[in-house]
């Protein structure tokens, strides 16, 4: 079975045409993190668009092995990354998707 792929140029042109027909349609900016919390198995990030992402701690060994106090010592630098100074961990929000 053969599937036809849409060439990138055709996709870009279709998006441009759709955008012209819908002037209020804009490419959205990436969501920003606004809050972080944990349970026994996962850590959660709340985004400024109200979504919540839950990610297994085992994907991030430094967080998994950190104490509860170390996990709570996070800082959201730009909205696009979360930093834990004491355990030297940085996570980009886009990497959670």
N, C-alpha and C. Protein backbone atom coordinates (compact mmCIF):
# COMPACT_ATOMS: atom_id res chain seq x y z
N UNK A 1 0.85 -1.18 0.00
CA UNK A 1 0.00 0.00 0.00
C UNK A 1 0.89 1.23 0.00
N UNK A 2 0.65 2.12 -0.92
CA UNK A 2 1.46 3.32 -1.04
C UNK A 2 0.67 4.50 -0.49
N UNK A 3 1.35 5.31 0.31
CA UNK A 3 0.71 6.52 0.81
C UNK A 3 1.45 7.71 0.24
N UNK A 4 0.69 8.69 -0.17
CA UNK A 4 1.28 9.91 -0.70
C UNK A 4 1.49 10.89 0.44
N UNK A 5 2.69 11.45 0.50
CA UNK A 5 2.98 12.47 1.49
C UNK A 5 2.83 13.84 0.84
N UNK A 6 2.33 14.76 1.61
CA UNK A 6 2.20 16.13 1.11
C UNK A 6 3.56 16.80 1.22
N UNK A 7 4.09 17.31 0.12
CA UNK A 7 5.37 18.02 0.19
C UNK A 7 5.26 19.23 1.11
N UNK A 8 6.36 19.57 1.78
CA UNK A 8 6.36 20.69 2.72
C UNK A 8 5.90 21.98 2.07
N UNK A 9 6.31 22.21 0.80
CA UNK A 9 5.91 23.43 0.11
C UNK A 9 4.39 23.49 -0.03
N UNK A 10 3.78 22.38 -0.39
CA UNK A 10 2.32 22.35 -0.54
C UNK A 10 1.65 22.60 0.80
N UNK A 11 2.20 22.04 1.86
CA UNK A 11 1.64 22.26 3.20
C UNK A 11 1.75 23.73 3.58
N UNK A 12 2.93 24.33 3.36
CA UNK A 12 3.14 25.74 3.69
C UNK A 12 2.19 26.64 2.90
N UNK A 13 2.01 26.34 1.63
CA UNK A 13 1.10 27.13 0.80
C UNK A 13 -0.34 26.99 1.29
N UNK A 14 -0.72 25.78 1.65
CA UNK A 14 -2.09 25.57 2.15
C UNK A 14 -2.30 26.34 3.45
N UNK A 15 -1.31 26.33 4.33
CA UNK A 15 -1.44 27.08 5.58
C UNK A 15 -1.53 28.58 5.32
N UNK A 16 -0.70 29.06 4.38
CA UNK A 16 -0.73 30.49 4.04
C UNK A 16 -2.09 30.87 3.48
N UNK A 17 -2.65 30.05 2.58
CA UNK A 17 -3.97 30.34 2.02
C UNK A 17 -5.04 30.31 3.10
N UNK A 18 -4.97 29.36 3.98
CA UNK A 18 -5.93 29.28 5.07
C UNK A 18 -5.82 30.52 5.95
N UNK A 19 -4.60 30.95 6.24
CA UNK A 19 -4.38 32.13 7.06
C UNK A 19 -4.95 33.39 6.41
N UNK A 20 -4.83 33.49 5.09
CA UNK A 20 -5.37 34.66 4.38
C UNK A 20 -6.89 34.70 4.49
N UNK A 21 -7.51 33.53 4.46
CA UNK A 21 -8.97 33.46 4.56
C UNK A 21 -9.46 33.64 5.98
N UNK A 22 -8.58 33.50 6.94
CA UNK A 22 -8.92 33.70 8.35
C UNK A 22 -7.89 34.66 8.96
N UNK A 23 -8.11 35.95 8.81
CA UNK A 23 -7.09 36.92 9.22
C UNK A 23 -6.75 36.87 10.71
N UNK A 24 -7.66 36.43 11.55
CA UNK A 24 -7.37 36.38 12.98
C UNK A 24 -6.64 35.10 13.39
N UNK A 25 -6.39 34.22 12.41
CA UNK A 25 -5.67 32.99 12.70
C UNK A 25 -4.17 33.30 12.75
N UNK A 26 -3.56 33.00 13.87
CA UNK A 26 -2.14 33.26 14.04
C UNK A 26 -1.45 32.00 14.51
N UNK A 27 -0.16 31.91 14.21
CA UNK A 27 0.61 30.83 14.79
C UNK A 27 0.75 31.13 16.27
N UNK A 28 0.41 30.18 17.10
CA UNK A 28 0.44 30.44 18.54
C UNK A 28 1.86 30.32 19.08
N UNK A 29 2.11 31.06 20.13
CA UNK A 29 3.41 30.96 20.78
C UNK A 29 3.41 29.73 21.69
N UNK A 30 4.58 29.19 21.96
CA UNK A 30 4.64 28.01 22.82
C UNK A 30 4.11 28.33 24.22
N UNK A 31 3.48 27.37 24.86
CA UNK A 31 2.97 27.62 26.20
C UNK A 31 4.12 27.77 27.20
N UNK A 32 3.84 28.50 28.27
CA UNK A 32 4.83 28.72 29.32
C UNK A 32 4.40 27.99 30.59
N UNK A 33 5.38 27.51 31.33
CA UNK A 33 5.12 26.89 32.62
C UNK A 33 4.81 27.97 33.64
N UNK A 34 3.82 27.68 34.51
CA UNK A 34 3.50 28.64 35.58
C UNK A 34 3.57 28.00 36.96
N UNK A 35 3.54 26.65 37.01
CA UNK A 35 3.57 25.98 38.31
C UNK A 35 4.08 24.55 38.14
N UNK A 36 4.66 24.01 39.22
CA UNK A 36 5.19 22.64 39.23
C UNK A 36 4.79 21.98 40.54
N UNK A 37 4.40 20.70 40.49
CA UNK A 37 4.18 19.93 41.71
C UNK A 37 4.43 18.46 41.44
N UNK A 38 4.47 17.67 42.51
CA UNK A 38 4.86 16.26 42.43
C UNK A 38 3.89 15.37 43.17
N UNK A 39 3.82 14.10 42.73
CA UNK A 39 3.27 13.04 43.57
C UNK A 39 4.34 11.95 43.62
N UNK A 40 4.01 10.77 44.08
CA UNK A 40 5.02 9.72 44.27
C UNK A 40 5.64 9.23 42.96
N UNK A 41 4.91 9.28 41.85
CA UNK A 41 5.36 8.73 40.59
C UNK A 41 5.65 9.75 39.48
N UNK A 42 5.08 10.93 39.59
CA UNK A 42 5.12 11.89 38.49
C UNK A 42 5.42 13.30 38.98
N UNK A 43 5.84 14.12 38.01
CA UNK A 43 5.81 15.55 38.29
C UNK A 43 4.92 16.21 37.26
N UNK A 44 4.30 17.30 37.68
CA UNK A 44 3.27 17.97 36.89
C UNK A 44 3.69 19.40 36.63
N UNK A 45 3.38 19.86 35.44
CA UNK A 45 3.64 21.24 35.06
C UNK A 45 2.33 21.84 34.56
N UNK A 46 1.93 22.94 35.19
CA UNK A 46 0.76 23.67 34.72
C UNK A 46 1.25 24.74 33.75
N UNK A 47 0.56 24.82 32.61
CA UNK A 47 0.93 25.77 31.57
C UNK A 47 0.00 26.99 31.60
N UNK A 48 0.46 28.07 31.00
CA UNK A 48 -0.34 29.30 31.00
C UNK A 48 -1.62 29.19 30.18
N UNK A 49 -1.74 28.14 29.37
CA UNK A 49 -2.99 27.93 28.62
C UNK A 49 -3.93 26.97 29.36
N UNK A 50 -3.62 26.71 30.64
CA UNK A 50 -4.43 25.91 31.57
C UNK A 50 -4.27 24.40 31.42
N UNK A 51 -3.44 23.94 30.50
CA UNK A 51 -3.17 22.51 30.42
C UNK A 51 -2.23 22.11 31.54
N UNK A 52 -2.30 20.82 31.89
CA UNK A 52 -1.39 20.25 32.88
C UNK A 52 -0.74 19.03 32.25
N UNK A 53 0.59 18.96 32.35
CA UNK A 53 1.34 17.82 31.82
C UNK A 53 1.87 17.03 32.99
N UNK A 54 1.57 15.74 33.03
CA UNK A 54 2.12 14.84 34.04
C UNK A 54 3.16 13.94 33.39
N UNK A 55 4.36 13.91 33.98
CA UNK A 55 5.48 13.18 33.40
C UNK A 55 6.08 12.23 34.43
N UNK A 56 6.38 10.99 34.05
CA UNK A 56 6.98 10.06 35.02
C UNK A 56 8.32 10.57 35.54
N UNK A 57 8.51 10.50 36.85
CA UNK A 57 9.78 10.91 37.44
C UNK A 57 10.94 10.07 36.93
N UNK A 58 10.68 8.80 36.58
CA UNK A 58 11.78 7.94 36.13
C UNK A 58 12.41 8.43 34.83
N UNK A 59 11.74 9.32 34.10
CA UNK A 59 12.34 9.91 32.90
C UNK A 59 13.44 10.90 33.25
N UNK A 60 13.45 11.36 34.50
CA UNK A 60 14.40 12.37 34.96
C UNK A 60 15.06 11.88 36.25
N UNK A 61 16.13 11.07 36.13
CA UNK A 61 16.74 10.45 37.30
C UNK A 61 17.15 11.42 38.40
N UNK A 62 17.59 12.60 38.06
CA UNK A 62 17.97 13.57 39.11
C UNK A 62 16.76 13.94 39.95
N UNK A 63 15.63 14.14 39.31
CA UNK A 63 14.41 14.44 40.07
C UNK A 63 13.94 13.21 40.84
N UNK A 64 14.01 12.07 40.21
CA UNK A 64 13.57 10.83 40.87
C UNK A 64 14.38 10.57 42.14
N UNK A 65 15.68 10.85 42.10
CA UNK A 65 16.55 10.59 43.24
C UNK A 65 16.65 11.75 44.22
N UNK A 66 16.04 12.86 43.92
CA UNK A 66 16.10 14.03 44.80
C UNK A 66 15.17 13.85 45.99
N UNK A 67 15.47 14.56 47.06
CA UNK A 67 14.59 14.56 48.23
C UNK A 67 13.35 15.40 47.90
N UNK A 68 12.27 15.22 48.66
CA UNK A 68 11.09 16.08 48.44
C UNK A 68 11.43 17.57 48.57
N UNK A 69 12.31 17.91 49.48
CA UNK A 69 12.71 19.31 49.65
C UNK A 69 13.45 19.82 48.42
N UNK A 70 14.34 18.99 47.87
CA UNK A 70 15.07 19.39 46.66
C UNK A 70 14.12 19.54 45.47
N UNK A 71 13.14 18.68 45.36
CA UNK A 71 12.18 18.77 44.26
C UNK A 71 11.38 20.06 44.33
N UNK A 72 11.06 20.49 45.55
CA UNK A 72 10.25 21.69 45.71
C UNK A 72 11.03 22.97 45.49
N UNK A 73 12.34 22.88 45.37
CA UNK A 73 13.18 24.05 45.20
C UNK A 73 13.41 24.33 43.71
N UNK A 74 12.33 24.54 42.97
CA UNK A 74 12.39 24.78 41.54
C UNK A 74 12.21 26.26 41.24
N UNK A 75 12.64 26.63 40.05
CA UNK A 75 12.49 28.01 39.59
C UNK A 75 12.13 27.96 38.11
N UNK A 76 11.12 28.71 37.73
CA UNK A 76 10.77 28.84 36.32
C UNK A 76 11.47 30.09 35.81
N UNK A 77 12.46 29.89 34.95
CA UNK A 77 13.30 31.01 34.51
C UNK A 77 12.59 31.93 33.52
N UNK A 78 12.19 31.42 32.40
CA UNK A 78 11.59 32.24 31.34
C UNK A 78 10.16 31.81 31.03
N UNK A 79 9.71 30.78 31.68
CA UNK A 79 8.44 30.16 31.33
C UNK A 79 8.64 28.97 30.42
N UNK A 80 9.79 28.93 29.77
CA UNK A 80 10.08 27.85 28.84
C UNK A 80 11.00 26.79 29.43
N UNK A 81 11.57 27.07 30.59
CA UNK A 81 12.42 26.07 31.23
C UNK A 81 12.26 26.13 32.75
N UNK A 82 12.45 24.96 33.36
CA UNK A 82 12.32 24.83 34.81
C UNK A 82 13.69 24.39 35.32
N UNK A 83 14.15 25.02 36.40
CA UNK A 83 15.50 24.78 36.89
C UNK A 83 15.48 24.41 38.37
N UNK A 84 16.28 23.38 38.70
CA UNK A 84 16.52 22.97 40.08
C UNK A 84 18.01 23.16 40.34
N UNK A 85 18.36 24.23 41.00
CA UNK A 85 19.77 24.59 41.22
C UNK A 85 20.52 23.51 42.00
N UNK A 86 19.97 23.07 43.11
CA UNK A 86 20.69 22.15 44.00
C UNK A 86 21.03 20.82 43.35
N UNK A 87 20.17 20.34 42.47
CA UNK A 87 20.44 19.04 41.83
C UNK A 87 20.90 19.20 40.38
N UNK A 88 21.11 20.45 39.96
CA UNK A 88 21.62 20.76 38.63
C UNK A 88 20.77 20.11 37.53
N UNK A 89 19.47 20.37 37.60
CA UNK A 89 18.52 19.83 36.60
C UNK A 89 17.82 20.98 35.90
N UNK A 90 17.74 20.89 34.59
CA UNK A 90 17.01 21.86 33.77
C UNK A 90 16.13 21.08 32.81
N UNK A 91 14.86 21.48 32.74
CA UNK A 91 13.92 20.81 31.84
C UNK A 91 13.22 21.86 30.99
N UNK A 92 13.31 21.69 29.68
CA UNK A 92 12.58 22.56 28.78
C UNK A 92 11.13 22.11 28.70
N UNK A 93 10.22 23.04 28.79
CA UNK A 93 8.79 22.71 28.73
C UNK A 93 8.46 21.96 27.45
N UNK A 94 9.02 22.38 26.33
CA UNK A 94 8.69 21.73 25.05
C UNK A 94 9.15 20.26 25.02
N UNK A 95 10.10 19.89 25.86
CA UNK A 95 10.55 18.49 25.88
C UNK A 95 9.53 17.58 26.55
N UNK A 96 8.55 18.15 27.21
CA UNK A 96 7.53 17.35 27.90
C UNK A 96 6.39 16.94 26.96
N UNK A 97 6.35 17.50 25.77
CA UNK A 97 5.30 17.17 24.80
C UNK A 97 5.66 15.97 23.98
